[in-house]
PDB file of all heavy atoms in Angstrom:
ATOM      1  N   GLU A   1      84.478  92.327 107.825  1.00  0.00           N
ATOM      2  CA  GLU A   1      85.247  93.473 108.318  1.00  0.00           C
ATOM      3  C   GLU A   1      86.681  93.440 107.786  1.00  0.00           C
ATOM      4  O   GLU A   1      87.209  94.461 107.346  1.00  0.00           O
ATOM      5  CB  GLU A   1      85.253  93.489 109.842  1.00  0.00           C
ATOM      6  CG  GLU A   1      86.036  94.639 110.440  1.00  0.00           C
ATOM      7  CD  GLU A   1      85.513  96.019 110.071  1.00  0.00           C
ATOM      8  OE1 GLU A   1      84.291  96.169 109.823  1.00  0.00           O
ATOM      9  OE2 GLU A   1      86.329  96.968 110.027  1.00  0.00           O
ATOM     10  N   LYS A   2      87.294  92.265 107.800  1.00  0.00           N
ATOM     11  CA  LYS A   2      88.675  92.134 107.292  1.00  0.00           C
ATOM     12  C   LYS A   2      88.740  92.508 105.820  1.00  0.00           C
ATOM     13  O   LYS A   2      89.598  93.277 105.396  1.00  0.00           O
ATOM     14  CB  LYS A   2      89.177  90.710 107.491  1.00  0.00           C
ATOM     15  CG  LYS A   2      90.592  90.495 106.986  1.00  0.00           C
ATOM     16  CD  LYS A   2      90.993  89.037 107.097  1.00  0.00           C
ATOM     17  CE  LYS A   2      92.398  88.783 106.611  1.00  0.00           C
ATOM     18  NZ  LYS A   2      92.658  89.213 105.256  1.00  0.00           N
ATOM     19  N   ARG A   3      87.826  91.940 105.029  1.00  0.00           N
ATOM     20  CA  ARG A   3      87.835  92.215 103.593  1.00  0.00           C
ATOM     21  C   ARG A   3      87.498  93.674 103.298  1.00  0.00           C
ATOM     22  O   ARG A   3      88.040  94.261 102.362  1.00  0.00           O
ATOM     23  CB  ARG A   3      86.853  91.299 102.864  1.00  0.00           C
ATOM     24  CG  ARG A   3      87.174  89.834 102.987  1.00  0.00           C
ATOM     25  CD  ARG A   3      88.513  89.513 102.395  1.00  0.00           C
ATOM     26  NE  ARG A   3      88.811  88.107 102.597  1.00  0.00           N
ATOM     27  CZ  ARG A   3      89.951  87.549 102.276  1.00  0.00           C
ATOM     28  NH1 ARG A   3      90.913  88.263 101.746  1.00  0.00           N
ATOM     29  NH2 ARG A   3      90.145  86.280 102.493  1.00  0.00           N
ATOM     30  N   THR A   4      86.618  94.261 104.096  1.00  0.00           N
ATOM     31  CA  THR A   4      86.285  95.678 103.926  1.00  0.00           C
ATOM     32  C   THR A   4      87.523  96.540 104.131  1.00  0.00           C
ATOM     33  O   THR A   4      87.790  97.474 103.364  1.00  0.00           O
ATOM     34  CB  THR A   4      85.171  96.092 104.910  1.00  0.00           C
ATOM     35  OG1 THR A   4      83.997  95.334 104.604  1.00  0.00           O
ATOM     36  CG2 THR A   4      84.849  97.571 104.807  1.00  0.00           C
ATOM     37  N   ARG A   5      88.300  96.203 105.144  1.00  0.00           N
ATOM     38  CA  ARG A   5      89.546  96.946 105.393  1.00  0.00           C
ATOM     39  C   ARG A   5      90.547  96.737 104.270  1.00  0.00           C
ATOM     40  O   ARG A   5      91.242  97.678 103.870  1.00  0.00           O
ATOM     41  CB  ARG A   5      90.144  96.532 106.735  1.00  0.00           C
ATOM     42  CG  ARG A   5      89.313  97.000 107.907  1.00  0.00           C
ATOM     43  CD  ARG A   5      89.884  96.536 109.211  1.00  0.00           C
ATOM     44  NE  ARG A   5      88.958  96.860 110.295  1.00  0.00           N
ATOM     45  CZ  ARG A   5      89.320  97.042 111.537  1.00  0.00           C
ATOM     46  NH1 ARG A   5      90.593  96.911 111.892  1.00  0.00           N
ATOM     47  NH2 ARG A   5      88.426  97.321 112.459  1.00  0.00           N
ATOM     48  N   ASP A   6      90.621  95.509 103.753  1.00  0.00           N
ATOM     49  CA  ASP A   6      91.523  95.236 102.620  1.00  0.00           C
ATOM     50  C   ASP A   6      91.133  96.087 101.410  1.00  0.00           C
ATOM     51  O   ASP A   6      91.998  96.670 100.740  1.00  0.00           O
ATOM     52  CB  ASP A   6      91.478  93.756 102.232  1.00  0.00           C
ATOM     53  CG  ASP A   6      92.098  92.834 103.257  1.00  0.00           C
ATOM     54  OD1 ASP A   6      92.825  93.318 104.150  1.00  0.00           O
ATOM     55  OD2 ASP A   6      91.837  91.611 103.175  1.00  0.00           O
ATOM     56  N   ILE A   7      89.843  96.161 101.122  1.00  0.00           N
ATOM     57  CA  ILE A   7      89.364  96.937  99.975  1.00  0.00           C
ATOM     58  C   ILE A   7      89.647  98.419 100.183  1.00  0.00           C
ATOM     59  O   ILE A   7      90.081  99.119  99.260  1.00  0.00           O
ATOM     60  CB  ILE A   7      87.866  96.683  99.732  1.00  0.00           C
ATOM     61  CG1 ILE A   7      87.667  95.250  99.223  1.00  0.00           C
ATOM     62  CG2 ILE A   7      87.284  97.690  98.748  1.00  0.00           C
ATOM     63  CD1 ILE A   7      86.231  94.783  99.208  1.00  0.00           C
ATOM     64  N   THR A   8      89.424  98.900 101.388  1.00  0.00           N
ATOM     65  CA  THR A   8      89.672 100.307 101.690  1.00  0.00           C
ATOM     66  C   THR A   8      91.139 100.668 101.470  1.00  0.00           C
ATOM     67  O   THR A   8      91.453 101.785 101.050  1.00  0.00           O
ATOM     68  CB  THR A   8      89.254 100.627 103.143  1.00  0.00           C
ATOM     69  OG1 THR A   8      87.865 100.350 103.276  1.00  0.00           O
ATOM     70  CG2 THR A   8      89.500 102.080 103.496  1.00  0.00           C
ATOM     71  N   ALA A   9      92.029  99.724 101.705  1.00  0.00           N
ATOM     72  CA  ALA A   9      93.466  99.972 101.577  1.00  0.00           C
ATOM     73  C   ALA A   9      93.946  99.974 100.125  1.00  0.00           C
ATOM     74  O   ALA A   9      95.066 100.421  99.846  1.00  0.00           O
ATOM     75  CB  ALA A   9      94.243  98.936 102.381  1.00  0.00           C
ATOM     76  N   ILE A  10      93.142  99.502  99.182  1.00  0.00           N
ATOM     77  CA  ILE A  10      93.562  99.430  97.782  1.00  0.00           C
ATOM     78  C   ILE A  10      93.658 100.839  97.200  1.00  0.00           C
ATOM     79  O   ILE A  10      92.726 101.623  97.279  1.00  0.00           O
ATOM     80  CB  ILE A  10      92.580  98.582  96.949  1.00  0.00           C
ATOM     81  CG1 ILE A  10      92.617  97.130  97.407  1.00  0.00           C
ATOM     82  CG2 ILE A  10      92.914  98.684  95.459  1.00  0.00           C
ATOM     83  CD1 ILE A  10      91.572  96.242  96.736  1.00  0.00           C
ATOM     84  N   THR A  11      94.806 101.126  96.611  1.00  0.00           N
ATOM     85  CA  THR A  11      95.001 102.413  95.950  1.00  0.00           C
ATOM     86  C   THR A  11      95.205 102.252  94.448  1.00  0.00           C
ATOM     87  O   THR A  11      95.112 103.220  93.709  1.00  0.00           O
ATOM     88  CB  THR A  11      96.210 103.165  96.543  1.00  0.00           C
ATOM     89  OG1 THR A  11      97.375 102.354  96.411  1.00  0.00           O
ATOM     90  CG2 THR A  11      95.977 103.498  98.016  1.00  0.00           C
ATOM     91  N   ASP A  12      95.457 101.042  94.001  1.00  0.00           N
ATOM     92  CA  ASP A  12      95.678 100.750  92.587  1.00  0.00           C
ATOM     93  C   ASP A  12      94.327 100.496  91.912  1.00  0.00           C
ATOM     94  O   ASP A  12      93.618  99.541  92.255  1.00  0.00           O
ATOM     95  CB  ASP A  12      96.576  99.520  92.467  1.00  0.00           C
ATOM     96  CG  ASP A  12      96.899  99.135  91.035  1.00  0.00           C
ATOM     97  OD1 ASP A  12      96.194  99.573  90.101  1.00  0.00           O
ATOM     98  OD2 ASP A  12      97.861  98.378  90.845  1.00  0.00           O
ATOM     99  N   VAL A  13      93.968 101.338  90.963  1.00  0.00           N
ATOM    100  CA  VAL A  13      92.673 101.228  90.292  1.00  0.00           C
ATOM    101  C   VAL A  13      92.540  99.889  89.570  1.00  0.00           C
ATOM    102  O   VAL A  13      91.478  99.262  89.615  1.00  0.00           O
ATOM    103  CB  VAL A  13      92.457 102.400  89.308  1.00  0.00           C
ATOM    104  CG1 VAL A  13      91.202 102.200  88.479  1.00  0.00           C
ATOM    105  CG2 VAL A  13      92.395 103.719  90.058  1.00  0.00           C
ATOM    106  N   GLN A  14      93.581  99.414  88.933  1.00  0.00           N
ATOM    107  CA  GLN A  14      93.505  98.143  88.216  1.00  0.00           C
ATOM    108  C   GLN A  14      93.264  96.984  89.182  1.00  0.00           C
ATOM    109  O   GLN A  14      92.521  96.058  88.883  1.00  0.00           O
ATOM    110  CB  GLN A  14      94.762  97.918  87.391  1.00  0.00           C
ATOM    111  CG  GLN A  14      94.846  98.842  86.188  1.00  0.00           C
ATOM    112  CD  GLN A  14      96.101  98.623  85.365  1.00  0.00           C
ATOM    113  OE1 GLN A  14      97.114  98.165  85.869  1.00  0.00           O
ATOM    114  NE2 GLN A  14      96.011  98.975  84.092  1.00  0.00           N
ATOM    115  N   GLN A  15      93.898  97.045  90.331  1.00  0.00           N
ATOM    116  CA  GLN A  15      93.686  96.011  91.343  1.00  0.00           C
ATOM    117  C   GLN A  15      92.233  96.049  91.836  1.00  0.00           C
ATOM    118  O   GLN A  15      91.591  95.020  91.994  1.00  0.00           O
ATOM    119  CB  GLN A  15      94.646  96.217  92.518  1.00  0.00           C
ATOM    120  CG  GLN A  15      94.574  95.142  93.573  1.00  0.00           C
ATOM    121  CD  GLN A  15      95.520  95.403  94.738  1.00  0.00           C
ATOM    122  OE1 GLN A  15      96.169  96.436  94.811  1.00  0.00           O
ATOM    123  NE2 GLN A  15      95.577  94.463  95.646  1.00  0.00           N
ATOM    124  N   LEU A  16      91.712  97.248  92.036  1.00  0.00           N
ATOM    125  CA  LEU A  16      90.322  97.398  92.469  1.00  0.00           C
ATOM    126  C   LEU A  16      89.352  96.906  91.396  1.00  0.00           C
ATOM    127  O   LEU A  16      88.357  96.239  91.695  1.00  0.00           O
ATOM    128  CB  LEU A  16      90.040  98.857  92.823  1.00  0.00           C
ATOM    129  CG  LEU A  16      88.686  99.156  93.456  1.00  0.00           C
ATOM    130  CD1 LEU A  16      88.471  98.355  94.724  1.00  0.00           C
ATOM    131  CD2 LEU A  16      88.555 100.643  93.727  1.00  0.00           C
ATOM    132  N   GLN A  17      89.652  97.182  90.135  1.00  0.00           N
ATOM    133  CA  GLN A  17      88.808  96.703  89.042  1.00  0.00           C
ATOM    134  C   GLN A  17      88.810  95.176  88.986  1.00  0.00           C
ATOM    135  O   GLN A  17      87.755  94.553  88.805  1.00  0.00           O
ATOM    136  CB  GLN A  17      89.283  97.275  87.709  1.00  0.00           C
ATOM    137  CG  GLN A  17      88.984  98.749  87.551  1.00  0.00           C
ATOM    138  CD  GLN A  17      89.612  99.331  86.297  1.00  0.00           C
ATOM    139  OE1 GLN A  17      90.596  98.815  85.761  1.00  0.00           O
ATOM    140  NE2 GLN A  17      89.046 100.439  85.822  1.00  0.00           N
ATOM    141  N   ALA A  18      89.970  94.567  89.136  1.00  0.00           N
ATOM    142  CA  ALA A  18      90.069  93.109  89.102  1.00  0.00           C
ATOM    143  C   ALA A  18      89.283  92.489  90.256  1.00  0.00           C
ATOM    144  O   ALA A  18      88.553  91.503  90.070  1.00  0.00           O
ATOM    145  CB  ALA A  18      91.534  92.675  89.169  1.00  0.00           C
ATOM    146  N   LEU A  19      89.408  93.073  91.431  1.00  0.00           N
ATOM    147  CA  LEU A  19      88.667  92.583  92.586  1.00  0.00           C
ATOM    148  C   LEU A  19      87.163  92.704  92.363  1.00  0.00           C
ATOM    149  O   LEU A  19      86.394  91.784  92.657  1.00  0.00           O
ATOM    150  CB  LEU A  19      89.076  93.347  93.845  1.00  0.00           C
ATOM    151  CG  LEU A  19      88.305  93.005  95.113  1.00  0.00           C
ATOM    152  CD1 LEU A  19      88.511  91.552  95.498  1.00  0.00           C
ATOM    153  CD2 LEU A  19      88.718  93.932  96.239  1.00  0.00           C
ATOM    154  N   THR A  20      86.736  93.817  91.812  1.00  0.00           N
ATOM    155  CA  THR A  20      85.320  94.037  91.536  1.00  0.00           C
ATOM    156  C   THR A  20      84.786  92.999  90.559  1.00  0.00           C
ATOM    157  O   THR A  20      83.694  92.443  90.754  1.00  0.00           O
ATOM    158  CB  THR A  20      85.097  95.460  90.992  1.00  0.00           C
ATOM    159  OG1 THR A  20      85.602  96.398  91.948  1.00  0.00           O
ATOM    160  CG2 THR A  20      83.632  95.733  90.733  1.00  0.00           C
ATOM    161  N   LYS A  21      85.547  92.704  89.525  1.00  0.00           N
ATOM    162  CA  LYS A  21      85.124  91.695  88.551  1.00  0.00           C
ATOM    163  C   LYS A  21      85.021  90.327  89.207  1.00  0.00           C
ATOM    164  O   LYS A  21      84.075  89.576  88.945  1.00  0.00           O
ATOM    165  CB  LYS A  21      86.096  91.660  87.371  1.00  0.00           C
ATOM    166  CG  LYS A  21      86.005  92.898  86.502  1.00  0.00           C
ATOM    167  CD  LYS A  21      87.085  92.886  85.437  1.00  0.00           C
ATOM    168  CE  LYS A  21      87.084  94.179  84.644  1.00  0.00           C
ATOM    169  NZ  LYS A  21      88.150  94.203  83.629  1.00  0.00           N
ATOM    170  N   ASP A  22      85.976  89.990  90.069  1.00  0.00           N
ATOM    171  CA  ASP A  22      85.932  88.715  90.791  1.00  0.00           C
ATOM    172  C   ASP A  22      84.693  88.644  91.684  1.00  0.00           C
ATOM    173  O   ASP A  22      84.024  87.609  91.759  1.00  0.00           O
ATOM    174  CB  ASP A  22      87.184  88.522  91.649  1.00  0.00           C
ATOM    175  CG  ASP A  22      88.439  88.283  90.826  1.00  0.00           C
ATOM    176  OD1 ASP A  22      88.333  87.960  89.620  1.00  0.00           O
ATOM    177  OD2 ASP A  22      89.540  88.421  91.403  1.00  0.00           O
ATOM    178  N   LEU A  23      84.380  89.732  92.374  1.00  0.00           N
ATOM    179  CA  LEU A  23      83.213  89.760  93.253  1.00  0.00           C
ATOM    180  C   LEU A  23      81.914  89.640  92.463  1.00  0.00           C
ATOM    181  O   LEU A  23      80.979  88.948  92.889  1.00  0.00           O
ATOM    182  CB  LEU A  23      83.208  91.043  94.086  1.00  0.00           C
ATOM    183  CG  LEU A  23      84.285  91.126  95.166  1.00  0.00           C
ATOM    184  CD1 LEU A  23      84.310  92.517  95.781  1.00  0.00           C
ATOM    185  CD2 LEU A  23      84.075  90.063  96.222  1.00  0.00           C
ATOM    186  N   LEU A  24      81.842  90.303  91.314  1.00  0.00           N
ATOM    187  CA  LEU A  24      80.650  90.185  90.472  1.00  0.00           C
ATOM    188  C   LEU A  24      80.446  88.749  90.002  1.00  0.00           C
ATOM    189  O   LEU A  24      79.320  88.234  90.007  1.00  0.00           O
ATOM    190  CB  LEU A  24      80.744  91.126  89.273  1.00  0.00           C
ATOM    191  CG  LEU A  24      80.479  92.596  89.558  1.00  0.00           C
ATOM    192  CD1 LEU A  24      80.842  93.443  88.342  1.00  0.00           C
ATOM    193  CD2 LEU A  24      79.032  92.809  89.947  1.00  0.00           C
ATOM    194  N   LEU A  25      81.519  88.091  89.614  1.00  0.00           N
ATOM    195  CA  LEU A  25      81.435  86.702  89.178  1.00  0.00           C
ATOM    196  C   LEU A  25      80.982  85.814  90.340  1.00  0.00           C
ATOM    197  O   LEU A  25      80.078  84.982  90.179  1.00  0.00           O
ATOM    198  CB  LEU A  25      82.780  86.223  88.630  1.00  0.00           C
ATOM    199  CG  LEU A  25      82.846  84.755  88.237  1.00  0.00           C
ATOM    200  CD1 LEU A  25      81.810  84.423  87.159  1.00  0.00           C
ATOM    201  CD2 LEU A  25      84.254  84.398  87.778  1.00  0.00           C
ATOM    202  N   ALA A  26      81.574  85.997  91.517  1.00  0.00           N
ATOM    203  CA  ALA A  26      81.202  85.192  92.684  1.00  0.00           C
ATOM    204  C   ALA A  26      79.737  85.409  93.046  1.00  0.00           C
ATOM    205  O   ALA A  26      79.026  84.461  93.407  1.00  0.00           O
ATOM    206  CB  ALA A  26      82.100  85.532  93.867  1.00  0.00           C
TER     207      ALA A  26
END
């Protein structure tokens, strides 16, 4: 729930892309 809220708050596309790449690797 915490991480879902953190992701929802992201407005920077590059930050969201970096997070997505990290999640795919994990």
